[in-house]
Amino acid sequence: MKSIAIYEDLKNKIIELAKEGKLTCEQAHQLAEAEGVSLIIIGKVAKEAGVRICDCQLGCFGKYKER
């Protein structure tokens, strides 16, 4: 049961951080480090919460579009 509480806490933190349903890649990294979980977990919980990851630090998902 403890894992369900941790999941719900993480989900609530993601929703709280998300602006207009989006969480930046940087925020995801910071949250993962602060909570001691992998980015995979952050991504899965965000997806289940309907939150999208944006502004990828690697340039994925259109952050650095060619001009």
C-alpha atoms as a PDB file:
ATOM      1  CA  MET A   1       0.000   0.000   0.000  1.00  0.00           C
ATOM      2  CA  LYS A   2       2.950   2.316   0.582  1.00  0.00           C
ATOM      3  CA  SER A   3       3.798   2.235  -3.141  1.00  0.00           C
ATOM      4  CA  ILE A   4       0.284   3.450  -4.026  1.00  0.00           C
ATOM      5  CA  ALA A   5       0.699   6.425  -1.690  1.00  0.00           C
ATOM      6  CA  ILE A   6       4.099   7.221  -3.242  1.00  0.00           C
ATOM      7  CA  TYR A   7       2.586   6.971  -6.743  1.00  0.00           C
ATOM      8  CA  GLU A   8      -0.283   9.306  -5.824  1.00  0.00           C
ATOM      9  CA  ASP A   9       2.118  11.773  -4.220  1.00  0.00           C
ATOM     10  CA  LEU A  10       4.311  11.768  -7.322  1.00  0.00           C
ATOM     11  CA  LYS A  11       1.278  12.139  -9.584  1.00  0.00           C
ATOM     12  CA  ASN A  12       0.056  15.121  -7.565  1.00  0.00           C
ATOM     13  CA  LYS A  13       3.488  16.771  -7.735  1.00  0.00           C
ATOM     14  CA  ILE A  14       3.595  16.317 -11.513  1.00  0.00           C
ATOM     15  CA  ILE A  15       0.113  17.797 -11.934  1.00  0.00           C
ATOM     16  CA  GLU A  16       1.032  20.703  -9.663  1.00  0.00           C
ATOM     17  CA  LEU A  17       4.194  21.472 -11.653  1.00  0.00           C
ATOM     18  CA  ALA A  18       2.545  21.081 -15.053  1.00  0.00           C
ATOM     19  CA  LYS A  19       1.478  24.262 -16.798  1.00  0.00           C
ATOM     20  CA  GLU A  20      -1.389  23.733 -19.229  1.00  0.00           C
ATOM     21  CA  GLY A  21      -0.858  19.973 -19.001  1.00  0.00           C
ATOM     22  CA  LYS A  22       2.849  20.174 -19.844  1.00  0.00           C
ATOM     23  CA  LEU A  23       5.926  19.436 -17.778  1.00  0.00           C
ATOM     24  CA  THR A  24       9.301  20.567 -19.082  1.00  0.00           C
ATOM     25  CA  CYS A  25      12.095  18.071 -19.483  1.00  0.00           C
ATOM     26  CA  GLU A  26      14.133  20.069 -16.974  1.00  0.00           C
ATOM     27  CA  GLN A  27      11.301  19.876 -14.423  1.00  0.00           C
ATOM     28  CA  ALA A  28      11.049  16.114 -14.997  1.00  0.00           C
ATOM     29  CA  HIS A  29      14.793  15.705 -14.355  1.00  0.00           C
ATOM     30  CA  GLN A  30      14.633  17.824 -11.191  1.00  0.00           C
ATOM     31  CA  LEU A  31      11.609  15.967  -9.852  1.00  0.00           C
ATOM     32  CA  ALA A  32      13.168  12.569 -10.564  1.00  0.00           C
ATOM     33  CA  GLU A  33      16.308  13.566  -8.677  1.00  0.00           C
ATOM     34  CA  ALA A  34      14.384  15.092  -5.765  1.00  0.00           C
ATOM     35  CA  GLU A  35      12.128  12.040  -5.412  1.00  0.00           C
ATOM     36  CA  GLY A  36      14.852   9.461  -6.027  1.00  0.00           C
ATOM     37  CA  VAL A  37      13.069   7.830  -8.962  1.00  0.00           C
ATOM     38  CA  SER A  38      14.052   7.238 -12.572  1.00  0.00           C
ATOM     39  CA  LEU A  39      12.963   9.406 -15.468  1.00  0.00           C
ATOM     40  CA  ILE A  40      11.098   6.370 -16.793  1.00  0.00           C
ATOM     41  CA  ILE A  41       8.853   6.459 -13.714  1.00  0.00           C
ATOM     42  CA  ILE A  42       8.312  10.210 -14.097  1.00  0.00           C
ATOM     43  CA  GLY A  43       7.370   9.690 -17.747  1.00  0.00           C
ATOM     44  CA  LYS A  44       4.959   6.850 -16.996  1.00  0.00           C
ATOM     45  CA  VAL A  45       3.228   8.692 -14.168  1.00  0.00           C
ATOM     46  CA  ALA A  46       3.029  11.884 -16.229  1.00  0.00           C
ATOM     47  CA  LYS A  47       1.477   9.980 -19.134  1.00  0.00           C
ATOM     48  CA  GLU A  48      -1.084   8.343 -16.841  1.00  0.00           C
ATOM     49  CA  ALA A  49      -1.897  11.793 -15.407  1.00  0.00           C
ATOM     50  CA  GLY A  50      -2.424  13.201 -18.901  1.00  0.00           C
ATOM     51  CA  VAL A  51       0.652  15.433 -18.635  1.00  0.00           C
ATOM     52  CA  ARG A  52       2.995  15.765 -21.601  1.00  0.00           C
ATOM     53  CA  ILE A  53       6.752  16.280 -21.423  1.00  0.00           C
ATOM     54  CA  CYS A  54       7.881  19.321 -23.424  1.00  0.00           C
ATOM     55  CA  ASP A  55      11.010  21.379 -24.127  1.00  0.00           C
ATOM     56  CA  CYS A  56      13.278  18.357 -24.370  1.00  0.00           C
ATOM     57  CA  GLN A  57      16.846  19.219 -23.447  1.00  0.00           C
ATOM     58  CA  LEU A  58      18.105  17.023 -26.296  1.00  0.00           C
ATOM     59  CA  GLY A  59      16.065  18.908 -28.862  1.00  0.00           C
ATOM     60  CA  CYS A  60      13.460  16.188 -29.349  1.00  0.00           C
ATOM     61  CA  PHE A  61       9.804  17.088 -29.819  1.00  0.00           C
ATOM     62  CA  GLY A  62      10.531  20.273 -31.760  1.00  0.00           C
ATOM     63  CA  LYS A  63      12.261  22.430 -29.149  1.00  0.00           C
ATOM     64  CA  TYR A  64      15.029  23.414 -31.552  1.00  0.00           C
ATOM     65  CA  LYS A  65      13.389  23.593 -34.953  1.00  0.00           C
ATOM     66  CA  GLU A  66      15.535  24.251 -37.979  1.00  0.00           C
ATOM     67  CA  ARG A  67      14.968  27.626 -39.569  1.00  0.00           C
END
